Amino acid sequence: MMEETATVIRCPGDGWVTVEVKVKNACNHCDNNESCGTSAVSKAFSPKVQRFSLPSNTQYEAGELLKLGLPESVILKAAAIVYLMPLAGLFIGAGIGHFMAQSLDLAGNDIPAIITGILGAVSAWMVGRRWAKAIEVNSQPVIISRLGHPLSKVSSVS
């Protein structure tokens, strides 16, 4: 189970708690992150915090820390959808285009395979996007434990 720390934003007592998770990426831990193009793209396009609501029978206070968990199977399914479905669509579409070109006596012409390959990849990506949304709806993180309130910074008295 993948675990993450979340901060309670509000808990109105209606069976739901709204939490905020600070998103971390691997680029924040590298010594070369100032001169790396991947780091620049990651910082520009990745959200810094995510807010969502979870079902809860327990009452929490705003600012309290919770440990959330999400099964690894959800992450693996999402990765397979994102990477493998468009790739499979590309290969299947290109194969269909190649077969069509041979059937129409267009041997040596790769244009049909290229066009149907792109159409297959886009179609598989669209199907995968819908499927990923369905997985996201059905895979809600769970509250593993209550961590309490964060330690506040102690100001030194001069």
Protein backbone atom coordinates (compact mmCIF):
# COMPACT_ATOMS: atom_id res chain seq x y z
CA MET A 1 0.00 0.00 0.00
CA MET A 2 1.33 3.43 -0.94
CA GLU A 3 1.09 5.89 1.94
CA GLU A 4 0.93 9.68 2.01
CA THR A 5 0.42 12.29 4.71
CA ALA A 6 -2.60 14.58 4.34
CA THR A 7 -3.80 17.65 6.23
CA VAL A 8 -7.45 17.94 7.24
CA ILE A 9 -9.03 21.03 5.70
CA ARG A 10 -12.50 20.59 7.13
CA CYS A 11 -14.65 17.93 8.73
CA PRO A 12 -18.29 19.04 8.92
CA GLY A 13 -19.46 15.87 10.67
CA ASP A 14 -21.57 14.58 7.77
CA GLY A 15 -19.49 11.43 7.26
CA TRP A 16 -16.89 13.11 5.03
CA VAL A 17 -13.53 14.75 5.67
CA THR A 18 -11.82 17.10 3.19
CA VAL A 19 -8.04 16.68 3.06
CA GLU A 20 -5.15 18.28 1.22
CA VAL A 21 -2.10 16.36 0.04
CA LYS A 22 1.10 18.09 -1.04
CA VAL A 23 2.24 16.46 -4.27
CA LYS A 24 5.89 15.47 -4.37
CA ASN A 25 7.82 14.53 -7.47
CA ALA A 26 11.21 12.92 -7.95
CA CYS A 27 12.69 16.10 -9.43
CA ASN A 28 12.72 17.85 -6.06
CA HIS A 29 15.34 15.46 -4.72
CA CYS A 30 18.04 15.68 -7.39
CA ASP A 31 21.10 17.94 -7.14
CA ASN A 32 20.73 18.94 -10.80
CA ASN A 33 17.11 20.11 -10.61
CA GLU A 34 18.02 23.74 -11.43
CA SER A 35 19.58 22.85 -14.79
CA CYS A 36 17.37 19.91 -15.73
CA GLY A 37 14.70 20.23 -18.43
CA THR A 38 12.58 17.47 -16.92
CA SER A 39 12.51 19.32 -13.62
CA ALA A 40 11.36 22.51 -15.33
CA VAL A 41 8.52 20.70 -17.10
CA SER A 42 7.54 18.89 -13.91
CA LYS A 43 7.40 22.12 -11.93
CA ALA A 44 5.39 23.87 -14.63
CA PHE A 45 2.72 21.24 -15.17
CA SER A 46 2.32 19.30 -11.93
CA PRO A 47 -0.19 20.50 -9.35
CA LYS A 48 1.36 21.42 -6.02
CA VAL A 49 -1.57 20.30 -3.83
CA GLN A 50 -4.59 18.09 -4.33
CA ARG A 51 -7.80 18.38 -2.34
CA PHE A 52 -10.42 15.68 -2.09
CA SER A 53 -13.02 14.30 0.29
CA LEU A 54 -12.96 10.91 1.97
CA PRO A 55 -15.68 9.04 3.83
CA SER A 56 -15.03 9.01 7.57
CA ASN A 57 -16.93 7.98 10.69
CA THR A 58 -14.46 9.85 12.92
CA GLN A 59 -14.51 13.57 13.63
CA TYR A 60 -11.22 15.37 12.86
CA GLU A 61 -10.05 18.92 13.52
CA ALA A 62 -8.83 21.27 10.78
CA GLY A 63 -5.04 21.13 10.52
CA GLU A 64 -4.79 17.58 11.83
CA LEU A 65 -2.51 15.16 9.97
CA LEU A 66 -3.76 11.83 8.63
CA LYS A 67 -1.93 8.94 6.98
CA LEU A 68 -3.72 7.87 3.78
CA GLY A 69 -3.19 4.67 1.84
CA LEU A 70 -3.81 3.64 -1.76
CA PRO A 71 -3.25 0.07 -3.03
CA GLU A 72 -0.36 -0.40 -5.47
CA SER A 73 -2.70 -2.24 -7.85
CA VAL A 74 -4.43 1.06 -8.62
CA ILE A 75 -1.10 2.67 -9.56
CA LEU A 76 -0.10 -0.29 -11.72
CA LYS A 77 -3.44 -0.32 -13.54
CA ALA A 78 -3.21 3.41 -14.21
CA ALA A 79 0.36 3.07 -15.52
CA ALA A 80 -0.65 0.22 -17.82
CA ILE A 81 -3.56 2.25 -19.17
CA VAL A 82 -1.50 5.38 -19.71
CA TYR A 83 1.45 3.70 -21.42
CA LEU A 84 0.36 0.40 -22.91
CA MET A 85 -3.08 1.09 -24.38
CA PRO A 86 -1.98 3.83 -26.83
CA LEU A 87 1.04 1.74 -27.79
CA ALA A 88 -1.14 -1.29 -28.46
CA GLY A 89 -3.56 0.90 -30.43
CA LEU A 90 -0.66 2.18 -32.53
CA PHE A 91 0.56 -1.32 -33.39
CA ILE A 92 -2.90 -2.74 -34.07
CA GLY A 93 -3.88 0.27 -36.18
CA ALA A 94 -0.64 0.12 -38.15
CA GLY A 95 -1.14 -3.61 -38.75
CA ILE A 96 -4.67 -3.00 -40.03
CA GLY A 97 -3.40 -0.22 -42.30
CA HIS A 98 -0.62 -2.44 -43.63
CA PHE A 99 -3.12 -5.25 -44.32
CA MET A 100 -5.46 -2.78 -46.07
CA ALA A 101 -2.59 -1.47 -48.22
CA GLN A 102 -1.73 -5.01 -49.29
CA SER A 103 -5.39 -5.78 -50.01
CA LEU A 104 -5.68 -2.71 -52.23
CA ASP A 105 -2.42 -3.48 -54.07
CA LEU A 106 -0.64 -0.49 -52.54
CA ALA A 107 2.47 -2.51 -51.65
CA GLY A 108 5.36 -0.26 -50.68
CA ASN A 109 3.04 2.56 -49.62
CA ASP A 110 3.21 3.11 -45.85
CA ILE A 111 0.75 5.99 -45.70
CA PRO A 112 -2.28 3.79 -44.82
CA ALA A 113 -0.33 2.11 -42.01
CA ILE A 114 0.81 5.47 -40.63
CA ILE A 115 -2.69 6.98 -40.72
CA THR A 116 -4.44 3.97 -39.18
CA GLY A 117 -1.63 3.63 -36.62
CA ILE A 118 -2.18 7.22 -35.46
CA LEU A 119 -5.95 6.71 -35.42
CA GLY A 120 -5.51 3.51 -33.41
CA ALA A 121 -3.25 5.22 -30.87
CA VAL A 122 -5.64 8.16 -30.43
CA SER A 123 -8.66 5.86 -30.17
CA ALA A 124 -6.94 3.66 -27.57
CA TRP A 125 -5.88 6.77 -25.62
CA MET A 126 -9.50 8.01 -25.54
CA VAL A 127 -10.76 4.62 -24.35
CA GLY A 128 -7.95 4.47 -21.78
CA ARG A 129 -8.83 7.93 -20.48
CA ARG A 130 -12.43 6.84 -19.84
CA TRP A 131 -11.23 3.63 -18.22
CA ALA A 132 -8.76 5.54 -16.01
CA LYS A 133 -11.58 7.82 -14.82
CA ALA A 134 -13.65 4.76 -13.89
CA ILE A 135 -10.70 3.30 -11.94
CA GLU A 136 -10.18 6.65 -10.21
CA VAL A 137 -13.80 6.78 -9.08
CA ASN A 138 -13.68 3.23 -7.74
CA SER A 139 -10.31 3.58 -5.98
CA GLN A 140 -10.68 5.93 -3.06
CA PRO A 141 -7.74 6.38 -0.68
CA VAL A 142 -8.41 5.14 2.85
CA ILE A 143 -7.46 6.68 6.17
CA ILE A 144 -4.87 4.41 7.78
CA SER A 145 -4.10 6.36 10.94
CA ARG A 146 -4.44 9.65 12.76
CA LEU A 147 -1.09 11.40 13.19
CA GLY A 148 -2.31 14.36 15.26
CA HIS A 149 -1.39 18.01 14.83
CA PRO A 150 1.91 19.09 13.26
CA LEU A 151 4.58 20.51 15.54
CA SER A 152 4.54 24.27 15.33
CA LYS A 153 7.78 26.20 15.02
CA VAL A 154 8.99 27.28 18.42
CA SER A 155 10.15 30.86 18.46
CA SER A 156 13.27 31.51 20.46
CA VAL A 157 13.11 34.14 23.18
CA SER A 158 16.07 36.53 23.24
